[in-house]
Amino acid sequence: MADRVYLFDTTLRDGAQTQGVDFTVADKAAIATALDEIGIDYIEGGWPGANPTDSDFFENPPKLKHAMLVAFGMTRRPGRSAENDPGLAPILNSKASAACLVGKSWDFHVDVALEIPLEENVAMIRDSIALSKERKGEAMYDAEHFFDGYKANPAFAMECLKAAIDAGARWVVLCDTNGGTLPHEVERIVGEVVKEIPGDRVGIHAHNDTENAVANSLAAVRAGARQVQGTLNGLGERCGNANIISLIPSLTLKMGFETGLAEGGLTKLTDLSRLLDERLNRQPNRHQPYVGEAAFAHKGGLHVSAVAKDPKTYEHIDPALVGNQRIIVVSDQAGRANVLARLSELGIEVTDEDKIRRLLDLVKEKEFAGYAYDGAEASFELLARQALGEVPRYFQTERFRVMDDRRRNAKGELVTESEATVTVQVKGEQIMRVAMGNGPVNALDTALREALSSVYPQLSQMQLVDYKVRIMPPRHDSTGTDAVTRTVIESADHDGHRWSTVGVSPNVIDSSYIALRDAYAYLLFREGVR
């Protein structure tokens, strides 16, 4: 089918080369299963024999309903037959359904890195692909450094591709290994390749070193390539690979190609993107196209007013198509439409224009003082509901004191200990607690929750998952160290629901307390405590 593009995910192989990424076997199985559920055609699971994790993964791979599991490896070594190459054996003996072998296609690499005749490199490709086709049924050739090689010596680069095709390769994949090729070059070169090799046997593997990996992949498809390789959230060595999360909706919604996705697969892209970040224990990129929290966020008052009339005025697609949602931001840039839209999302109906105007003025006043509600939605909801008299005062902190003691212990080791003392009024009772903590904010949080937990046991299910401090631009009379501090705390409950709260004060502990207080109040209000 001329309009069918095959999706090849290499998160578990090429994505694993990302600095700081270390997949476990369980991670690989979970990610492969999620990729299979949305309808990815090929999942490259790793390199059997290269490390214990990949070997274990291929020993007991997950059962895939749709995708073909691919084992990665290299063409045979010089001077050996493919049948007797110890590097090829683990790939061909694995439980994968297909093999993808990387080989040189740039004469410079053959001369300098391998130090073998060009003819031997071509024979290595031909022999390895032929054996892989025989053993696995489907073989692919990753033409390493193809674009650099084609620009230097197009005849040799094409000879490498044709050797793989003649040996039975289902796909020859053109790799921009150094990531330095630009879209207009990719489109021209792929266009020349498909004049000699059918496009439905040509793939593209782009790296992001010029931030063109997605653009290069789409340019290759425009020129006739029909397999696209990428990684979730653009993982990969150096600057990463083409982001398959962005490629899929661009191919389907923008270019009209069929990708073989399962029914509803497109709407699972946002969850899939965040699943990867959860597995890697890192914060999602808020500004990632299509699936980021800010991808369909509207802040300017004029924008929000137009979006309220018709979302197409400032949205290139319906966010629901990729499983995302629209966010109306309330800030000092906000107008009446922002406030009304945000209140509507919260299920709050306000028809009193005076209350709307007072709330808008209050938001702008707070933001002038240093607050920022576009990253602290829970604090805005509390602000709005408190202004409307919906949120009770759950407790009142009469005083708190935090002390840090930096000293040497009995072993002569330098230690720093934090201790917090709090006194709160809750339901007419005065409660005082003292707690130690890993730093002053943790000590304060521990003491407050110990004081409140007997009355509000719901607080025990809450945990702080992120903590950010920002020093606000200093006043004209500021010396720098007396600047105002903004603290944003992200919290989560046992169901995984997350919310962010903000506090502002010249004192970093006080700004942290304000954010903590809002976090407690938000949880209690969500739990129905009145």
Protein backbone atom coordinates (compact mmCIF):
# COMPACT_ATOMS: atom_id res chain seq x y z
CA MET A 1 0.00 0.00 0.00
CA ALA A 2 1.55 3.29 -1.11
CA ASP A 3 0.03 5.14 1.86
CA ARG A 4 1.06 2.58 4.50
CA VAL A 5 3.94 3.64 6.76
CA TYR A 6 5.39 1.03 9.11
CA LEU A 7 6.35 2.13 12.63
CA PHE A 8 9.56 0.80 14.16
CA ASP A 9 10.22 1.66 17.82
CA THR A 10 13.79 1.42 19.10
CA THR A 11 13.29 2.84 22.61
CA LEU A 12 14.51 -0.37 24.25
CA ARG A 13 17.68 -0.48 22.15
CA ASP A 14 18.76 2.92 20.86
CA GLY A 15 16.82 4.75 23.59
CA ALA A 16 18.70 2.76 26.21
CA GLN A 17 21.88 4.56 25.11
CA THR A 18 20.53 7.80 26.62
CA GLN A 19 22.74 9.15 29.37
CA GLY A 20 21.14 8.35 32.73
CA VAL A 21 18.71 5.74 31.33
CA ASP A 22 19.03 2.17 32.60
CA PHE A 23 16.11 -0.12 31.80
CA THR A 24 15.41 -3.21 33.87
CA VAL A 25 13.97 -6.35 32.29
CA ALA A 26 10.62 -5.43 33.87
CA ASP A 27 10.83 -1.95 32.34
CA LYS A 28 11.48 -3.41 28.91
CA ALA A 29 8.56 -5.83 29.18
CA ALA A 30 6.15 -3.10 30.34
CA ILE A 31 7.18 -0.66 27.61
CA ALA A 32 7.08 -3.33 24.89
CA THR A 33 3.59 -4.38 25.98
CA ALA A 34 2.36 -0.76 25.91
CA LEU A 35 3.86 -0.23 22.43
CA ASP A 36 2.21 -3.42 21.22
CA GLU A 37 -1.18 -2.32 22.56
CA ILE A 38 -1.25 0.84 20.45
CA GLY A 39 -0.31 -1.09 17.30
CA ILE A 40 3.41 -0.47 16.66
CA ASP A 41 4.66 -2.75 13.84
CA TYR A 42 8.19 -3.44 15.08
CA ILE A 43 9.69 -3.27 18.57
CA GLU A 44 13.45 -3.48 18.77
CA GLY A 45 14.06 -5.07 22.16
CA GLY A 46 17.84 -4.72 22.38
CA TRP A 47 21.01 -6.57 21.50
CA PRO A 48 21.03 -10.20 22.72
CA GLY A 49 24.43 -11.11 24.10
CA ALA A 50 25.56 -7.50 24.53
CA ASN A 51 24.56 -7.31 28.21
CA PRO A 52 22.71 -9.44 30.78
CA THR A 53 19.54 -7.31 30.71
CA ASP A 54 19.03 -7.68 26.97
CA SER A 55 19.88 -11.38 27.07
CA ASP A 56 17.37 -11.98 29.88
CA PHE A 57 14.71 -9.97 28.05
CA PHE A 58 15.03 -12.09 24.91
CA GLU A 59 15.10 -15.31 26.94
CA ASN A 60 11.59 -14.61 28.18
CA PRO A 61 10.07 -11.91 25.96
CA PRO A 62 6.54 -10.58 26.53
CA LYS A 63 3.78 -12.05 24.39
CA LEU A 64 3.00 -9.50 21.71
CA LYS A 65 -0.35 -9.48 19.89
CA HIS A 66 0.51 -7.17 17.02
CA ALA A 67 4.15 -6.12 16.95
CA MET A 68 7.10 -8.09 15.64
CA LEU A 69 9.91 -8.33 18.21
CA VAL A 70 13.26 -7.42 16.64
CA ALA A 71 16.76 -8.35 17.84
CA PHE A 72 19.55 -5.93 16.98
CA GLY A 73 23.14 -6.82 16.13
CA MET A 74 26.03 -6.26 13.75
CA THR A 75 26.97 -7.84 10.47
CA ARG A 76 29.59 -10.58 10.67
CA ARG A 77 33.17 -9.75 11.49
CA PRO A 78 35.81 -9.53 8.74
CA GLY A 79 37.49 -12.82 7.98
CA ARG A 80 34.69 -14.99 9.45
CA SER A 81 31.72 -16.68 7.93
CA ALA A 82 28.29 -15.58 9.14
CA GLU A 83 27.58 -19.11 10.39
CA ASN A 84 30.67 -19.08 12.63
CA ASP A 85 30.47 -15.54 13.95
CA PRO A 86 30.00 -15.52 17.76
CA GLY A 87 28.51 -12.03 17.61
CA LEU A 88 25.71 -13.04 15.23
CA ALA A 89 24.80 -16.26 17.05
CA PRO A 90 22.88 -14.67 20.00
CA ILE A 91 20.75 -12.60 17.61
CA LEU A 92 19.91 -15.50 15.33
CA ASN A 93 19.30 -17.89 18.25
CA SER A 94 17.08 -15.46 20.15
CA LYS A 95 13.30 -15.69 20.44
CA ALA A 96 12.90 -12.54 18.36
CA SER A 97 10.81 -12.74 15.18
CA ALA A 98 13.19 -10.60 13.11
CA ALA A 99 16.78 -9.40 13.05
CA CYS A 100 18.04 -5.90 12.33
CA LEU A 101 21.76 -5.78 11.56
CA VAL A 102 23.83 -2.63 11.40
CA GLY A 103 26.66 -2.34 8.90
CA LYS A 104 28.85 0.36 7.43
CA SER A 105 27.75 2.30 4.34
CA TRP A 106 30.32 5.13 4.42
CA ASP A 107 33.63 4.33 2.74
CA PHE A 108 35.42 6.59 5.23
CA HIS A 109 34.31 4.31 8.11
CA VAL A 110 35.27 1.17 6.22
CA ASP A 111 38.74 2.57 5.55
CA VAL A 112 39.38 4.12 8.98
CA ALA A 113 37.31 2.13 11.52
CA LEU A 114 37.30 -1.35 9.96
CA GLU A 115 40.48 -1.08 7.87
CA ILE A 116 39.18 -3.60 5.31
CA PRO A 117 38.58 -3.49 1.55
CA LEU A 118 35.24 -2.02 0.46
CA GLU A 119 34.40 -5.34 -1.21
CA GLU A 120 34.73 -7.19 2.10
CA ASN A 121 32.29 -4.78 3.77
CA VAL A 122 29.71 -5.45 1.03
CA ALA A 123 30.24 -9.21 1.43
CA MET A 124 29.74 -8.90 5.22
CA ILE A 125 26.36 -7.25 4.63
CA ARG A 126 25.27 -9.79 2.02
CA ASP A 127 26.30 -12.86 4.05
CA SER A 128 24.82 -11.63 7.32
CA ILE A 129 21.47 -10.60 5.85
CA ALA A 130 21.15 -13.86 3.91
CA LEU A 131 21.70 -15.95 7.04
CA SER A 132 19.35 -13.77 9.09
CA LYS A 133 16.65 -14.13 6.44
CA GLU A 134 17.12 -17.90 6.51
CA ARG A 135 17.08 -18.19 10.32
CA LYS A 136 14.56 -15.54 11.36
CA GLY A 137 12.32 -15.13 8.32
CA GLU A 138 12.63 -11.34 8.28
CA ALA A 139 15.89 -9.41 8.14
CA MET A 140 16.64 -5.69 8.02
CA TYR A 141 19.81 -3.77 7.28
CA ASP A 142 20.57 -0.56 9.19
CA ALA A 143 22.83 1.37 6.83
CA GLU A 144 24.98 3.21 9.35
CA HIS A 145 26.09 6.75 8.38
CA PHE A 146 24.19 6.36 5.11
CA PHE A 147 23.61 10.06 4.38
CA ASP A 148 27.23 11.03 5.07
CA GLY A 149 28.32 8.03 3.05
CA TYR A 150 26.02 8.85 0.15
CA LYS A 151 27.27 12.42 -0.02
CA ALA A 152 30.89 11.17 -0.06
CA ASN A 153 30.52 8.14 -2.34
CA PRO A 154 26.99 7.49 -3.60
CA ALA A 155 27.96 4.46 -5.65
CA PHE A 156 29.42 2.60 -2.66
CA ALA A 157 26.53 3.57 -0.34
CA MET A 158 24.03 2.24 -2.90
CA GLU A 159 26.10 -0.92 -3.37
CA CYS A 160 25.70 -1.65 0.36
CA LEU A 161 21.92 -1.23 0.14
CA LYS A 162 21.62 -3.42 -2.96
CA ALA A 163 23.71 -6.15 -1.34
CA ALA A 164 21.20 -6.30 1.51
CA ILE A 165 18.19 -6.24 -0.84
CA ASP A 166 19.68 -8.99 -3.03
CA ALA A 167 20.29 -11.10 0.09
CA GLY A 168 16.61 -10.88 1.06
CA ALA A 169 16.35 -7.88 3.37
CA ARG A 170 12.77 -6.82 3.98
CA TRP A 171 13.96 -3.30 4.79
CA VAL A 172 17.08 -1.23 4.20
CA VAL A 173 17.09 1.59 6.73
CA LEU A 174 18.90 4.82 5.92
CA CYS A 175 20.56 6.05 9.11
CA ASP A 176 21.57 9.63 9.79
CA THR A 177 23.87 8.35 12.50
CA ASN A 178 25.66 11.62 13.27
CA GLY A 179 22.41 13.57 13.03
CA GLY A 180 23.89 16.32 10.89
CA THR A 181 21.79 16.01 7.74
CA LEU A 182 19.08 18.60 7.06
CA PRO A 183 15.53 17.93 5.78
CA HIS A 184 16.11 19.17 2.23
CA GLU A 185 19.15 16.86 1.93
CA VAL A 186 17.21 13.88 3.32
CA GLU A 187 14.35 14.41 0.88
CA ARG A 188 16.70 14.67 -2.08
CA ILE A 189 18.80 11.63 -1.18
CA VAL A 190 15.86 9.40 -0.27
CA GLY A 191 14.21 10.44 -3.54
CA GLU A 192 17.29 9.24 -5.40
CA VAL A 193 17.41 5.96 -3.44
CA VAL A 194 13.78 5.04 -4.17
CA LYS A 195 14.43 5.36 -7.89
CA GLU A 196 16.53 2.20 -7.56
CA ILE A 197 14.99 0.46 -4.53
CA PRO A 198 11.20 0.39 -3.96
CA GLY A 199 10.13 2.81 -1.25
CA ASP A 200 8.13 0.12 0.55
CA ARG A 201 11.48 -1.50 1.37
CA VAL A 202 13.21 1.70 2.52
CA GLY A 203 13.25 3.05 6.09
CA ILE A 204 14.60 6.13 7.88
CA HIS A 205 16.48 6.30 11.20
CA ALA A 206 17.17 9.90 12.22
CA HIS A 207 19.11 11.40 15.11
CA ASN A 208 18.35 14.80 16.58
CA ASP A 209 21.72 16.56 16.68
CA THR A 210 20.38 19.50 14.65
CA GLU A 211 16.89 19.16 16.20
CA ASN A 212 15.61 17.93 12.85
CA ALA A 213 15.06 14.23 13.56
CA VAL A 214 11.26 14.41 13.25
CA ALA A 215 11.48 16.77 10.27
CA ASN A 216 14.04 14.51 8.58
CA SER A 217 11.83 11.46 9.13
CA LEU A 218 8.79 13.21 7.62
CA ALA A 219 10.92 14.42 4.69
CA ALA A 220 12.03 10.84 4.05
CA VAL A 221 8.42 9.67 4.02
CA ARG A 222 7.52 12.48 1.60
CA ALA A 223 10.31 11.22 -0.66
CA GLY A 224 9.02 7.64 -0.57
CA ALA A 225 10.41 5.81 2.49
CA ARG A 226 7.79 3.64 4.15
CA GLN A 227 9.35 2.60 7.45
CA VAL A 228 10.03 5.14 10.20
CA GLN A 229 12.20 4.42 13.23
CA GLY A 230 11.99 6.42 16.44
CA THR A 231 11.94 6.33 20.22
CA LEU A 232 9.44 7.33 22.88
CA ASN A 233 9.90 10.98 23.88
CA GLY A 234 12.95 11.14 21.61
CA LEU A 235 15.28 9.11 23.84
CA GLY A 236 18.67 8.32 22.39
CA GLU A 237 22.38 8.92 22.52
CA ARG A 238 23.64 12.51 22.54
CA CYS A 239 20.64 14.66 21.48
CA GLY A 240 18.31 11.71 21.00
CA ASN A 241 16.41 10.06 18.16
CA ALA A 242 13.30 11.00 16.24
CA ASN A 243 10.42 11.21 18.71
CA ILE A 244 7.92 8.56 17.64
CA ILE A 245 5.27 10.22 19.86
CA SER A 246 5.43 13.25 17.55
CA LEU A 247 5.90 11.23 14.37
CA ILE A 248 2.70 9.19 14.71
CA PRO A 249 0.15 12.05 14.84
CA SER A 250 2.10 14.01 12.24
CA LEU A 251 1.97 11.06 9.86
CA THR A 252 -1.69 10.25 10.49
CA LEU A 253 -3.38 13.57 11.23
CA LYS A 254 -1.22 15.88 9.13
CA MET A 255 -0.04 13.76 6.21
CA GLY A 256 -2.89 11.27 5.92
CA PHE A 257 -0.83 8.07 6.06
CA GLU A 258 -2.06 4.73 7.35
CA THR A 259 0.17 3.48 10.17
CA GLY A 260 -1.58 0.31 11.28
CA LEU A 261 -2.37 1.66 14.74
CA ALA A 262 -4.90 -0.29 16.77
CA GLU A 263 -8.33 1.24 17.27
CA GLY A 264 -7.96 3.97 19.87
CA GLY A 265 -4.16 3.74 19.68
CA LEU A 266 -3.74 7.39 18.82
CA THR A 267 -5.61 8.46 21.95
CA LYS A 268 -3.16 6.48 24.10
CA LEU A 269 -0.11 8.48 23.04
CA THR A 270 -0.19 10.84 26.02
CA ASP A 271 -0.43 7.95 28.49
CA LEU A 272 2.34 6.09 26.64
CA SER A 273 4.63 9.10 26.79
CA ARG A 274 4.07 9.51 30.52
CA LEU A 275 4.44 5.77 31.15
CA LEU A 276 8.02 6.03 29.92
CA ASP A 277 8.75 8.97 32.22
CA GLU A 278 7.21 7.12 35.16
CA ARG A 279 9.44 4.13 34.45
CA LEU A 280 12.47 6.40 34.27
CA ASN A 281 11.36 8.29 37.41
CA ARG A 282 11.63 11.67 35.74
CA GLN A 283 9.36 14.63 35.20
CA PRO A 284 7.53 14.72 31.84
CA ASN A 285 8.45 17.50 29.44
CA ARG A 286 5.56 19.95 29.85
CA HIS A 287 6.30 21.51 26.47
CA GLN A 288 6.53 18.31 24.42
CA PRO A 289 4.46 18.62 21.21
CA TYR A 290 1.09 16.86 21.13
CA VAL A 291 1.31 15.20 24.58
CA GLY A 292 2.90 17.76 26.95
CA GLU A 293 0.81 19.44 29.63
CA ALA A 294 1.48 22.80 27.98
CA ALA A 295 0.83 21.60 24.41
CA PHE A 296 -2.74 22.91 24.54
CA ALA A 297 -2.40 25.45 27.37
CA HIS A 298 -3.72 28.97 26.78
CA LYS A 299 -2.54 31.89 28.89
CA GLY A 300 -3.14 35.17 27.05
CA GLY A 301 -6.60 36.67 27.58
CA LEU A 302 -7.20 37.28 23.88
CA HIS A 303 -6.28 33.68 23.06
CA VAL A 304 -8.58 32.27 25.71
CA SER A 305 -11.45 34.46 24.57
CA ALA A 306 -11.07 33.14 21.02
CA VAL A 307 -10.66 29.51 22.14
CA ALA A 308 -13.88 29.77 24.12
CA LYS A 309 -15.67 30.60 20.86
CA ASP A 310 -13.89 28.00 18.72
CA PRO A 311 -10.77 26.01 19.82
CA LYS A 312 -9.52 25.92 16.21
CA THR A 313 -8.56 29.58 16.57
CA TYR A 314 -5.46 28.62 18.60
CA GLU A 315 -5.23 24.79 18.43
CA HIS A 316 -3.85 22.88 15.47
CA ILE A 317 -5.70 19.67 16.47
CA ASP A 318 -8.28 18.57 19.03
CA PRO A 319 -6.11 17.54 22.05
CA ALA A 320 -8.43 14.59 22.73
CA LEU A 321 -7.23 12.96 19.50
CA VAL A 322 -3.90 12.18 21.17
CA GLY A 323 -5.28 11.68 24.68
CA ASN A 324 -4.34 15.15 25.90
CA GLN A 325 -6.53 17.97 27.21
CA ARG A 326 -6.90 21.71 26.99
CA ILE A 327 -5.64 23.82 29.91
CA ILE A 328 -6.70 27.37 30.55
CA VAL A 329 -3.98 29.15 32.51
CA VAL A 330 -4.78 31.85 35.02
CA SER A 331 -2.03 34.43 35.50
CA ASP A 332 -1.31 38.15 35.37
CA GLN A 333 -1.78 37.79 31.60
CA ALA A 334 -5.34 36.61 32.20
CA GLY A 335 -8.55 38.25 31.18
CA ARG A 336 -12.14 37.60 32.12
CA ALA A 337 -12.33 34.69 29.67
CA ASN A 338 -9.40 32.91 31.39
CA VAL A 339 -11.06 33.10 34.78
CA LEU A 340 -14.44 31.94 33.51
CA ALA A 341 -12.92 29.08 31.51
CA ARG A 342 -10.80 27.90 34.43
CA LEU A 343 -13.73 28.12 36.84
CA SER A 344 -15.86 26.15 34.38
CA GLU A 345 -13.21 23.40 34.28
CA LEU A 346 -13.35 23.24 38.07
CA GLY A 347 -17.13 22.97 38.01
CA ILE A 348 -17.60 26.42 39.52
CA GLU A 349 -20.34 28.60 38.07
CA VAL A 350 -20.15 32.29 38.89
CA THR A 351 -22.56 34.76 37.32
CA ASP A 352 -21.81 37.68 39.62
CA GLU A 353 -19.59 40.01 37.57
CA ASP A 354 -18.29 41.75 40.72
CA LYS A 355 -17.01 38.43 42.10
CA ILE A 356 -15.35 37.60 38.79
CA ARG A 357 -13.66 40.97 38.66
CA ARG A 358 -12.53 40.74 42.30
CA LEU A 359 -11.07 37.29 41.68
CA LEU A 360 -9.26 38.50 38.57
CA ASP A 361 -7.87 41.48 40.46
CA LEU A 362 -6.79 39.21 43.31
CA VAL A 363 -4.94 36.89 40.91
CA LYS A 364 -3.10 39.81 39.31
CA GLU A 365 -2.27 41.27 42.73
CA LYS A 366 -0.88 37.94 43.90
CA GLU A 367 1.16 37.45 40.75
CA PHE A 368 2.57 40.95 41.08
CA ALA A 369 3.77 39.86 44.54
CA GLY A 370 5.54 36.86 42.99
CA TYR A 371 2.91 34.12 42.82
CA ALA A 372 2.54 32.08 39.61
CA TYR A 373 -0.62 30.03 39.16
CA ASP A 374 0.12 28.65 35.70
CA GLY A 375 2.25 25.98 37.40
CA ALA A 376 0.22 25.69 40.61
CA GLU A 377 -3.34 24.86 39.62
CA ALA A 378 -4.28 23.60 43.08
CA SER A 379 -3.39 26.93 44.68
CA PHE A 380 -5.55 28.74 42.14
CA GLU A 381 -8.50 26.47 42.83
CA LEU A 382 -8.16 27.09 46.56
CA LEU A 383 -7.87 30.83 45.96
CA ALA A 384 -11.06 30.82 43.89
CA ARG A 385 -13.05 28.61 46.24
CA GLN A 386 -11.90 30.53 49.31
CA ALA A 387 -12.95 33.79 47.66
CA LEU A 388 -16.38 32.21 47.13
CA GLY A 389 -16.52 30.94 50.73
CA GLU A 390 -16.41 27.23 49.81
CA VAL A 391 -13.25 26.15 51.67
CA PRO A 392 -13.21 26.12 55.46
CA ARG A 393 -10.13 26.99 57.50
CA TYR A 394 -9.00 23.48 58.40
CA PHE A 395 -6.36 24.64 60.88
CA GLN A 396 -4.47 27.71 61.97
CA THR A 397 -0.73 27.69 62.56
CA GLU A 398 0.01 29.86 65.57
CA ARG A 399 3.77 29.58 65.28
CA PHE A 400 6.55 27.42 63.96
CA ARG A 401 10.30 27.33 64.50
CA VAL A 402 12.89 25.49 62.41
CA MET A 403 16.47 24.97 63.55
CA ASP A 404 19.48 23.52 61.73
CA ASP A 405 22.36 22.13 63.74
CA ARG A 406 25.62 21.56 61.87
CA ARG A 407 28.14 19.70 64.04
CA ARG A 408 30.40 16.69 64.33
CA ASN A 409 28.97 13.53 65.86
CA ALA A 410 30.66 11.13 68.23
CA LYS A 411 32.53 9.55 65.29
CA GLY A 412 33.89 12.89 64.21
CA GLU A 413 31.65 12.97 61.12
CA LEU A 414 30.17 16.28 59.98
CA VAL A 415 26.35 16.10 60.14
CA THR A 416 23.52 18.59 59.68
CA GLU A 417 20.26 17.98 61.53
CA SER A 418 16.98 19.83 61.12
CA GLU A 419 14.34 20.16 63.82
CA ALA A 420 10.92 21.80 63.55
CA THR A 421 8.52 22.81 66.31
CA VAL A 422 4.94 23.74 65.37
CA THR A 423 1.88 24.90 67.29
CA VAL A 424 -1.49 24.68 65.54
CA GLN A 425 -5.12 25.31 66.42
CA VAL A 426 -7.47 22.69 64.98
CA LYS A 427 -11.12 22.25 65.98
CA GLY A 428 -10.60 24.38 69.09
CA GLU A 429 -7.64 22.36 70.30
CA GLN A 430 -4.07 23.61 70.52
CA ILE A 431 -1.52 20.99 69.45
CA MET A 432 2.27 21.24 69.56
CA ARG A 433 4.66 18.80 67.90
CA VAL A 434 8.43 18.53 67.42
CA ALA A 435 9.97 16.52 64.59
CA MET A 436 13.35 15.87 62.99
CA GLY A 437 13.75 15.81 59.23
CA ASN A 438 16.01 15.52 56.25
CA GLY A 439 16.34 19.27 55.88
CA PRO A 440 14.19 22.08 57.28
CA VAL A 441 11.22 21.66 54.91
CA ASN A 442 10.96 17.92 55.56
CA ALA A 443 11.15 18.56 59.31
CA LEU A 444 8.40 21.20 59.07
CA ASP A 445 6.22 18.92 56.94
CA THR A 446 6.69 16.03 59.38
CA ALA A 447 5.87 18.14 62.44
CA LEU A 448 2.77 19.67 60.83
CA ARG A 449 1.39 16.32 59.74
CA GLU A 450 2.02 14.77 63.13
CA ALA A 451 0.08 17.63 64.70
CA LEU A 452 -2.83 17.33 62.26
CA SER A 453 -3.04 13.58 61.59
CA SER A 454 -5.16 12.75 64.63
CA VAL A 455 -7.89 15.05 63.31
CA TYR A 456 -7.20 14.62 59.59
CA PRO A 457 -5.91 11.06 58.99
CA GLN A 458 -6.30 11.70 55.23
CA LEU A 459 -2.99 13.57 55.31
CA SER A 460 -1.09 10.34 55.92
CA GLN A 461 -1.75 9.25 52.31
CA MET A 462 -0.06 12.35 50.88
CA GLN A 463 3.55 12.55 49.78
CA LEU A 464 5.71 15.32 48.39
CA VAL A 465 7.14 14.32 45.01
CA ASP A 466 8.84 17.51 43.84
CA TYR A 467 10.10 20.75 45.37
CA LYS A 468 11.29 23.79 43.43
CA VAL A 469 12.60 27.12 44.68
CA ARG A 470 13.06 30.21 42.55
CA ILE A 471 14.56 33.51 43.60
CA MET A 472 12.43 36.31 42.18
CA PRO A 473 14.01 39.28 40.38
CA PRO A 474 15.40 41.58 43.10
CA ARG A 475 13.88 44.96 43.90
CA HIS A 476 15.90 48.08 43.13
CA ASP A 477 16.89 48.30 46.79
CA SER A 478 17.69 44.60 47.15
CA THR A 479 21.15 43.25 47.93
CA GLY A 480 20.37 39.86 46.36
CA THR A 481 20.23 37.64 49.43
CA ASP A 482 17.11 39.46 50.66
CA ALA A 483 15.15 38.71 47.47
CA VAL A 484 11.66 37.22 47.49
CA THR A 485 11.48 33.42 47.17
CA ARG A 486 8.84 31.43 45.30
CA THR A 487 8.39 27.78 46.29
CA VAL A 488 6.38 25.27 44.25
CA ILE A 489 5.59 21.90 45.79
CA GLU A 490 4.15 18.97 43.86
CA SER A 491 2.22 16.44 45.93
CA ALA A 492 0.57 13.09 45.22
CA ASP A 493 -1.95 10.82 46.92
CA HIS A 494 -2.07 7.01 47.03
CA ASP A 495 -4.10 6.93 43.79
CA GLY A 496 -1.38 8.76 41.90
CA HIS A 497 -3.30 12.05 41.61
CA ARG A 498 -0.85 14.97 41.58
CA TRP A 499 -1.29 18.64 42.34
CA SER A 500 0.99 21.66 42.68
CA THR A 501 0.85 24.52 45.17
CA VAL A 502 2.83 27.73 45.48
CA GLY A 503 4.07 29.96 48.28
CA VAL A 504 5.88 33.30 48.17
CA SER A 505 7.82 35.01 50.95
CA PRO A 506 11.16 36.72 51.57
CA ASN A 507 11.86 33.70 53.81
CA VAL A 508 12.33 30.37 52.01
CA ILE A 509 10.96 28.36 54.96
CA ASP A 510 7.88 30.57 55.14
CA SER A 511 7.25 30.27 51.38
CA SER A 512 7.60 26.49 51.76
CA TYR A 513 5.10 26.54 54.63
CA ILE A 514 2.55 28.44 52.51
CA ALA A 515 2.86 25.89 49.71
CA LEU A 516 2.58 23.02 52.23
CA ARG A 517 -0.51 24.57 53.83
CA ASP A 518 -2.22 24.79 50.44
CA ALA A 519 -1.23 21.21 49.63
CA TYR A 520 -2.90 19.96 52.83
CA ALA A 521 -6.03 22.06 52.28
CA TYR A 522 -6.38 20.92 48.67
CA LEU A 523 -6.19 17.24 49.65
CA LEU A 524 -8.73 17.66 52.44
CA PHE A 525 -11.13 19.54 50.17
CA ARG A 526 -10.82 16.84 47.45
CA GLU A 527 -11.49 14.20 50.10
CA GLY A 528 -14.76 15.94 50.96
CA VAL A 529 -13.72 17.22 54.39
CA ARG A 530 -15.85 20.26 55.21
